Amino acid sequence: MTIKEFKDLSLDDLATLTALDKTRWCKYFNGQLMTESVLNSLAQSLGMEPHILLLAINQRRLHRNAINAKLNSIA
């Protein structure tokens, strides 16, 4: 899976593909650290290298934060 494909997945898709619930994914997207074993397991489930998965999570987090900042500046 590419970073772009990962960024396009919904939380439901991620939960289904990895057997990790949406709440846990949200925590990771909000900055909670994951253990190396969890990272390796998730990466394997998604067909990604662990370092690429970390990069994808960070890019998705940054994108979400940019959208939230824009919305807050409008309000």
PDB file of N, CA and C in Angstrom:
ATOM      1  N   MET A   1       0.849  -1.171   0.000  1.00  0.00           N
ATOM      2  CA  MET A   1       0.000   0.000   0.000  1.00  0.00           C
ATOM      3  C   MET A   1       0.896   1.236   0.000  1.00  0.00           C
ATOM      4  N   THR A   2       0.493   2.230  -0.752  1.00  0.00           N
ATOM      5  CA  THR A   2       1.243   3.481  -0.802  1.00  0.00           C
ATOM      6  C   THR A   2       0.748   4.431   0.293  1.00  0.00           C
ATOM      7  N   ILE A   3       1.526   5.492   0.522  1.00  0.00           N
ATOM      8  CA  ILE A   3       1.116   6.502   1.486  1.00  0.00           C
ATOM      9  C   ILE A   3      -0.196   7.137   1.053  1.00  0.00           C
ATOM     10  N   LYS A   4      -0.332   7.426  -0.227  1.00  0.00           N
ATOM     11  CA  LYS A   4      -1.574   8.036  -0.723  1.00  0.00           C
ATOM     12  C   LYS A   4      -2.762   7.115  -0.469  1.00  0.00           C
ATOM     13  N   GLU A   5      -2.604   5.837  -0.754  1.00  0.00           N
ATOM     14  CA  GLU A   5      -3.696   4.887  -0.504  1.00  0.00           C
ATOM     15  C   GLU A   5      -4.045   4.856   0.981  1.00  0.00           C
ATOM     16  N   PHE A   6      -3.038   4.881   1.830  1.00  0.00           N
ATOM     17  CA  PHE A   6      -3.267   4.886   3.270  1.00  0.00           C
ATOM     18  C   PHE A   6      -4.044   6.125   3.687  1.00  0.00           C
ATOM     19  N   LYS A   7      -3.637   7.277   3.177  1.00  0.00           N
ATOM     20  CA  LYS A   7      -4.293   8.527   3.549  1.00  0.00           C
ATOM     21  C   LYS A   7      -5.748   8.571   3.093  1.00  0.00           C
ATOM     22  N   ASP A   8      -6.082   7.810   2.075  1.00  0.00           N
ATOM     23  CA  ASP A   8      -7.456   7.786   1.557  1.00  0.00           C
ATOM     24  C   ASP A   8      -8.372   6.809   2.296  1.00  0.00           C
ATOM     25  N   LEU A   9      -7.809   5.980   3.163  1.00  0.00           N
ATOM     26  CA  LEU A   9      -8.621   4.998   3.889  1.00  0.00           C
ATOM     27  C   LEU A   9      -9.404   5.668   5.007  1.00  0.00           C
ATOM     28  N   SER A  10     -10.616   5.223   5.211  1.00  0.00           N
ATOM     29  CA  SER A  10     -11.417   5.693   6.343  1.00  0.00           C
ATOM     30  C   SER A  10     -10.976   4.935   7.597  1.00  0.00           C
ATOM     31  N   LEU A  11     -11.418   5.420   8.740  1.00  0.00           N
ATOM     32  CA  LEU A  11     -11.136   4.698   9.985  1.00  0.00           C
ATOM     33  C   LEU A  11     -11.768   3.309   9.963  1.00  0.00           C
ATOM     34  N   ASP A  12     -12.939   3.192   9.374  1.00  0.00           N
ATOM     35  CA  ASP A  12     -13.578   1.876   9.241  1.00  0.00           C
ATOM     36  C   ASP A  12     -12.714   0.937   8.410  1.00  0.00           C
ATOM     37  N   ASP A  13     -12.172   1.461   7.293  1.00  0.00           N
ATOM     38  CA  ASP A  13     -11.297   0.647   6.440  1.00  0.00           C
ATOM     39  C   ASP A  13     -10.068   0.188   7.216  1.00  0.00           C
ATOM     40  N   LEU A  14      -9.444   1.117   7.942  1.00  0.00           N
ATOM     41  CA  LEU A  14      -8.247   0.774   8.717  1.00  0.00           C
ATOM     42  C   LEU A  14      -8.566  -0.278   9.773  1.00  0.00           C
ATOM     43  N   ALA A  15      -9.689  -0.131  10.439  1.00  0.00           N
ATOM     44  CA  ALA A  15     -10.085  -1.100  11.464  1.00  0.00           C
ATOM     45  C   ALA A  15     -10.284  -2.483  10.848  1.00  0.00           C
ATOM     46  N   THR A  16     -10.909  -2.524   9.696  1.00  0.00           N
ATOM     47  CA  THR A  16     -11.160  -3.803   9.029  1.00  0.00           C
ATOM     48  C   THR A  16      -9.861  -4.455   8.558  1.00  0.00           C
ATOM     49  N   LEU A  17      -8.987  -3.670   7.956  1.00  0.00           N
ATOM     50  CA  LEU A  17      -7.750  -4.207   7.400  1.00  0.00           C
ATOM     51  C   LEU A  17      -6.755  -4.659   8.466  1.00  0.00           C
ATOM     52  N   THR A  18      -6.805  -4.035   9.637  1.00  0.00           N
ATOM     53  CA  THR A  18      -5.781  -4.299  10.647  1.00  0.00           C
ATOM     54  C   THR A  18      -6.301  -4.961  11.912  1.00  0.00           C
ATOM     55  N   ALA A  19      -7.611  -5.113  12.054  1.00  0.00           N
ATOM     56  CA  ALA A  19      -8.222  -5.658  13.270  1.00  0.00           C
ATOM     57  C   ALA A  19      -7.879  -4.806  14.491  1.00  0.00           C
ATOM     58  N   LEU A  20      -7.627  -3.520  14.272  1.00  0.00           N
ATOM     59  CA  LEU A  20      -7.383  -2.570  15.346  1.00  0.00           C
ATOM     60  C   LEU A  20      -8.544  -1.588  15.341  1.00  0.00           C
ATOM     61  N   ASP A  21      -9.167  -1.370  16.486  1.00  0.00           N
ATOM     62  CA  ASP A  21     -10.385  -0.568  16.485  1.00  0.00           C
ATOM     63  C   ASP A  21     -10.127   0.902  16.139  1.00  0.00           C
ATOM     64  N   LYS A  22     -11.192   1.565  15.727  1.00  0.00           N
ATOM     65  CA  LYS A  22     -11.113   2.968  15.282  1.00  0.00           C
ATOM     66  C   LYS A  22     -10.603   3.888  16.385  1.00  0.00           C
ATOM     67  N   THR A  23     -10.978   3.605  17.617  1.00  0.00           N
ATOM     68  CA  THR A  23     -10.540   4.437  18.737  1.00  0.00           C
ATOM     69  C   THR A  23      -9.021   4.425  18.861  1.00  0.00           C
ATOM     70  N   ARG A  24      -8.424   3.260  18.719  1.00  0.00           N
ATOM     71  CA  ARG A  24      -6.965   3.148  18.817  1.00  0.00           C
ATOM     72  C   ARG A  24      -6.305   3.885  17.654  1.00  0.00           C
ATOM     73  N   TRP A  25      -6.861   3.753  16.444  1.00  0.00           N
ATOM     74  CA  TRP A  25      -6.309   4.489  15.303  1.00  0.00           C
ATOM     75  C   TRP A  25      -6.376   5.994  15.562  1.00  0.00           C
ATOM     76  N   CYS A  26      -7.481   6.462  16.106  1.00  0.00           N
ATOM     77  CA  CYS A  26      -7.605   7.895  16.414  1.00  0.00           C
ATOM     78  C   CYS A  26      -6.526   8.330  17.385  1.00  0.00           C
ATOM     79  N   LYS A  27      -6.244   7.508  18.382  1.00  0.00           N
ATOM     80  CA  LYS A  27      -5.198   7.850  19.348  1.00  0.00           C
ATOM     81  C   LYS A  27      -3.842   7.966  18.658  1.00  0.00           C
ATOM     82  N   TYR A  28      -3.556   7.072  17.734  1.00  0.00           N
ATOM     83  CA  TYR A  28      -2.285   7.146  17.011  1.00  0.00           C
ATOM     84  C   TYR A  28      -2.244   8.399  16.126  1.00  0.00           C
ATOM     85  N   PHE A  29      -3.362   8.727  15.500  1.00  0.00           N
ATOM     86  CA  PHE A  29      -3.408   9.933  14.669  1.00  0.00           C
ATOM     87  C   PHE A  29      -3.302  11.202  15.512  1.00  0.00           C
ATOM     88  N   ASN A  30      -3.655  11.100  16.792  1.00  0.00           N
ATOM     89  CA  ASN A  30      -3.545  12.246  17.693  1.00  0.00           C
ATOM     90  C   ASN A  30      -2.185  12.314  18.390  1.00  0.00           C
ATOM     91  N   GLY A  31      -1.280  11.400  18.051  1.00  0.00           N
ATOM     92  CA  GLY A  31       0.076  11.494  18.567  1.00  0.00           C
ATOM     93  C   GLY A  31       0.489  10.453  19.576  1.00  0.00           C
ATOM     94  N   GLN A  32      -0.410   9.553  19.965  1.00  0.00           N
ATOM     95  CA  GLN A  32      -0.003   8.513  20.901  1.00  0.00           C
ATOM     96  C   GLN A  32       1.017   7.604  20.215  1.00  0.00           C
ATOM     97  N   LEU A  33       2.056   7.263  20.944  1.00  0.00           N
ATOM     98  CA  LEU A  33       3.090   6.391  20.397  1.00  0.00           C
ATOM     99  C   LEU A  33       2.616   4.945  20.417  1.00  0.00           C
ATOM    100  N   MET A  34       3.157   4.156  19.486  1.00  0.00           N
ATOM    101  CA  MET A  34       2.842   2.738  19.457  1.00  0.00           C
ATOM    102  C   MET A  34       4.136   1.956  19.670  1.00  0.00           C
ATOM    103  N   THR A  35       3.983   0.765  20.184  1.00  0.00           N
ATOM    104  CA  THR A  35       5.162  -0.071  20.391  1.00  0.00           C
ATOM    105  C   THR A  35       5.685  -0.560  19.037  1.00  0.00           C
ATOM    106  N   GLU A  36       6.919  -0.999  19.043  1.00  0.00           N
ATOM    107  CA  GLU A  36       7.521  -1.515  17.817  1.00  0.00           C
ATOM    108  C   GLU A  36       6.765  -2.737  17.309  1.00  0.00           C
ATOM    109  N   SER A  37       6.312  -3.582  18.217  1.00  0.00           N
ATOM    110  CA  SER A  37       5.588  -4.782  17.789  1.00  0.00           C
ATOM    111  C   SER A  37       4.244  -4.421  17.154  1.00  0.00           C
ATOM    112  N   VAL A  38       3.548  -3.417  17.704  1.00  0.00           N
ATOM    113  CA  VAL A  38       2.286  -2.971  17.105  1.00  0.00           C
ATOM    114  C   VAL A  38       2.555  -2.370  15.735  1.00  0.00           C
ATOM    115  N   LEU A  39       3.569  -1.525  15.646  1.00  0.00           N
ATOM    116  CA  LEU A  39       3.921  -0.911  14.361  1.00  0.00           C
ATOM    117  C   LEU A  39       4.211  -1.983  13.319  1.00  0.00           C
ATOM    118  N   ASN A  40       5.012  -2.957  13.670  1.00  0.00           N
ATOM    119  CA  ASN A  40       5.345  -4.022  12.720  1.00  0.00           C
ATOM    120  C   ASN A  40       4.119  -4.821  12.302  1.00  0.00           C
ATOM    121  N   SER A  41       3.235  -5.101  13.251  1.00  0.00           N
ATOM    122  CA  SER A  41       2.024  -5.853  12.948  1.00  0.00           C
ATOM    123  C   SER A  41       1.093  -5.069  12.022  1.00  0.00           C
ATOM    124  N   LEU A  42       0.901  -3.779  12.328  1.00  0.00           N
ATOM    125  CA  LEU A  42       0.040  -2.949  11.486  1.00  0.00           C
ATOM    126  C   LEU A  42       0.623  -2.803  10.086  1.00  0.00           C
ATOM    127  N   ALA A  43       1.919  -2.573  10.021  1.00  0.00           N
ATOM    128  CA  ALA A  43       2.571  -2.425   8.722  1.00  0.00           C
ATOM    129  C   ALA A  43       2.405  -3.688   7.887  1.00  0.00           C
ATOM    130  N   GLN A  44       2.579  -4.830   8.520  1.00  0.00           N
ATOM    131  CA  GLN A  44       2.416  -6.093   7.796  1.00  0.00           C
ATOM    132  C   GLN A  44       0.980  -6.253   7.307  1.00  0.00           C
ATOM    133  N   SER A  45       0.006  -5.914   8.146  1.00  0.00           N
ATOM    134  CA  SER A  45      -1.404  -6.023   7.758  1.00  0.00           C
ATOM    135  C   SER A  45      -1.731  -5.141   6.555  1.00  0.00           C
ATOM    136  N   LEU A  46      -1.034  -4.000   6.466  1.00  0.00           N
ATOM    137  CA  LEU A  46      -1.305  -3.047   5.394  1.00  0.00           C
ATOM    138  C   LEU A  46      -0.371  -3.208   4.192  1.00  0.00           C
ATOM    139  N   GLY A  47       0.569  -4.134   4.280  1.00  0.00           N
ATOM    140  CA  GLY A  47       1.504  -4.343   3.185  1.00  0.00           C
ATOM    141  C   GLY A  47       2.471  -3.179   3.020  1.00  0.00           C
ATOM    142  N   MET A  48       2.910  -2.627   4.153  1.00  0.00           N
ATOM    143  CA  MET A  48       3.808  -1.475   4.139  1.00  0.00           C
ATOM    144  C   MET A  48       5.042  -1.786   4.980  1.00  0.00           C
ATOM    145  N   GLU A  49       6.109  -1.070   4.725  1.00  0.00           N
ATOM    146  CA  GLU A  49       7.271  -1.117   5.605  1.00  0.00           C
ATOM    147  C   GLU A  49       6.939  -0.270   6.835  1.00  0.00           C
ATOM    148  N   PRO A  50       7.409  -0.654   8.012  1.00  0.00           N
ATOM    149  CA  PRO A  50       7.081   0.102   9.220  1.00  0.00           C
ATOM    150  C   PRO A  50       7.428   1.593   9.150  1.00  0.00           C
ATOM    151  N   HIS A  51       8.578   1.923   8.606  1.00  0.00           N
ATOM    152  CA  HIS A  51       8.959   3.343   8.536  1.00  0.00           C
ATOM    153  C   HIS A  51       8.055   4.119   7.583  1.00  0.00           C
ATOM    154  N   ILE A  52       7.551   3.464   6.560  1.00  0.00           N
ATOM    155  CA  ILE A  52       6.625   4.114   5.632  1.00  0.00           C
ATOM    156  C   ILE A  52       5.270   4.324   6.318  1.00  0.00           C
ATOM    157  N   LEU A  53       4.837   3.355   7.125  1.00  0.00           N
ATOM    158  CA  LEU A  53       3.585   3.518   7.860  1.00  0.00           C
ATOM    159  C   LEU A  53       3.684   4.699   8.828  1.00  0.00           C
ATOM    160  N   LEU A  54       4.796   4.831   9.539  1.00  0.00           N
ATOM    161  CA  LEU A  54       4.972   5.971  10.439  1.00  0.00           C
ATOM    162  C   LEU A  54       4.898   7.288   9.671  1.00  0.00           C
ATOM    163  N   LEU A  55       5.542   7.327   8.533  1.00  0.00           N
ATOM    164  CA  LEU A  55       5.498   8.523   7.698  1.00  0.00           C
ATOM    165  C   LEU A  55       4.063   8.830   7.265  1.00  0.00           C
ATOM    166  N   ALA A  56       3.333   7.799   6.873  1.00  0.00           N
ATOM    167  CA  ALA A  56       1.947   7.982   6.427  1.00  0.00           C
ATOM    168  C   ALA A  56       1.060   8.478   7.567  1.00  0.00           C
ATOM    169  N   ILE A  57       1.247   7.932   8.761  1.00  0.00           N
ATOM    170  CA  ILE A  57       0.467   8.381   9.919  1.00  0.00           C
ATOM    171  C   ILE A  57       0.763   9.846  10.198  1.00  0.00           C
ATOM    172  N   ASN A  58       2.028  10.224  10.169  1.00  0.00           N
ATOM    173  CA  ASN A  58       2.400  11.618  10.421  1.00  0.00           C
ATOM    174  C   ASN A  58       1.845  12.552   9.356  1.00  0.00           C
ATOM    175  N   GLN A  59       1.879  12.147   8.101  1.00  0.00           N
ATOM    176  CA  GLN A  59       1.341  12.992   7.036  1.00  0.00           C
ATOM    177  C   GLN A  59      -0.170  13.155   7.192  1.00  0.00           C
ATOM    178  N   ARG A  60      -0.840  12.088   7.556  1.00  0.00           N
ATOM    179  CA  ARG A  60      -2.292  12.165   7.750  1.00  0.00           C
ATOM    180  C   ARG A  60      -2.614  13.095   8.931  1.00  0.00           C
ATOM    181  N   ARG A  61      -1.815  13.002  10.008  1.00  0.00           N
ATOM    182  CA  ARG A  61      -2.010  13.863  11.165  1.00  0.00           C
ATOM    183  C   ARG A  61      -1.781  15.324  10.790  1.00  0.00           C
ATOM    184  N   LEU A  62      -0.722  15.618  10.061  1.00  0.00           N
ATOM    185  CA  LEU A  62      -0.427  16.987   9.652  1.00  0.00           C
ATOM    186  C   LEU A  62      -1.520  17.550   8.758  1.00  0.00           C
ATOM    187  N   HIS A  63      -2.029  16.722   7.856  1.00  0.00           N
ATOM    188  CA  HIS A  63      -3.096  17.155   6.955  1.00  0.00           C
ATOM    189  C   HIS A  63      -4.355  17.505   7.752  1.00  0.00           C
ATOM    190  N   ARG A  64      -4.698  16.640   8.704  1.00  0.00           N
ATOM    191  CA  ARG A  64      -5.877  16.895   9.536  1.00  0.00           C
ATOM    192  C   ARG A  64      -5.699  18.162  10.369  1.00  0.00           C
ATOM    193  N   ASN A  65      -4.507  18.353  10.923  1.00  0.00           N
ATOM    194  CA  ASN A  65      -4.247  19.547  11.721  1.00  0.00           C
ATOM    195  C   ASN A  65      -4.334  20.818  10.881  1.00  0.00           C
ATOM    196  N   ALA A  66      -3.878  20.758   9.650  1.00  0.00           N
ATOM    197  CA  ALA A  66      -3.952  21.923   8.759  1.00  0.00           C
ATOM    198  C   ALA A  66      -5.404  22.262   8.445  1.00  0.00           C
ATOM    199  N   ILE A  67      -6.222  21.260   8.224  1.00  0.00           N
ATOM    200  CA  ILE A  67      -7.644  21.489   7.950  1.00  0.00           C
ATOM    201  C   ILE A  67      -8.313  22.102   9.184  1.00  0.00           C
ATOM    202  N   ASN A  68      -8.014  21.560  10.364  1.00  0.00           N
ATOM    203  CA  ASN A  68      -8.607  22.101  11.591  1.00  0.00           C
ATOM    204  C   ASN A  68      -8.189  23.543  11.824  1.00  0.00           C
ATOM    205  N   ALA A  69      -6.942  23.877  11.557  1.00  0.00           N
ATOM    206  CA  ALA A  69      -6.461  25.254  11.740  1.00  0.00           C
ATOM    207  C   ALA A  69      -7.185  26.180  10.789  1.00  0.00           C
ATOM    208  N   LYS A  70      -7.390  25.735   9.551  1.00  0.00           N
ATOM    209  CA  LYS A  70      -8.097  26.553   8.578  1.00  0.00           C
ATOM    210  C   LYS A  70      -9.539  26.787   9.004  1.00  0.00           C
ATOM    211  N   LEU A  71     -10.186  25.721   9.488  1.00  0.00           N
ATOM    212  CA  LEU A  71     -11.567  25.850   9.946  1.00  0.00           C
ATOM    213  C   LEU A  71     -11.664  26.790  11.154  1.00  0.00           C
ATOM    214  N   ASN A  72     -10.701  26.704  12.045  1.00  0.00           N
ATOM    215  CA  ASN A  72     -10.706  27.585  13.220  1.00  0.00           C
ATOM    216  C   ASN A  72     -10.478  29.030  12.850  1.00  0.00           C
ATOM    217  N   SER A  73      -9.712  29.284  11.817  1.00  0.00           N
ATOM    218  CA  SER A  73      -9.467  30.671  11.400  1.00  0.00           C
ATOM    219  C   SER A  73     -10.693  31.287  10.739  1.00  0.00           C
ATOM    220  N   ILE A  74     -11.550  30.446  10.180  1.00  0.00           N
ATOM    221  CA  ILE A  74     -12.773  30.920   9.542  1.00  0.00           C
ATOM    222  C   ILE A  74     -13.827  31.244  10.600  1.00  0.00           C
ATOM    223  N   ALA A  75     -13.860  30.446  11.649  1.00  0.00           N
ATOM    224  CA  ALA A  75     -14.917  30.579  12.688  1.00  0.00           C
ATOM    225  C   ALA A  75     -14.762  31.823  13.520  1.00  0.00           C
TER     226      ALA A  75
END
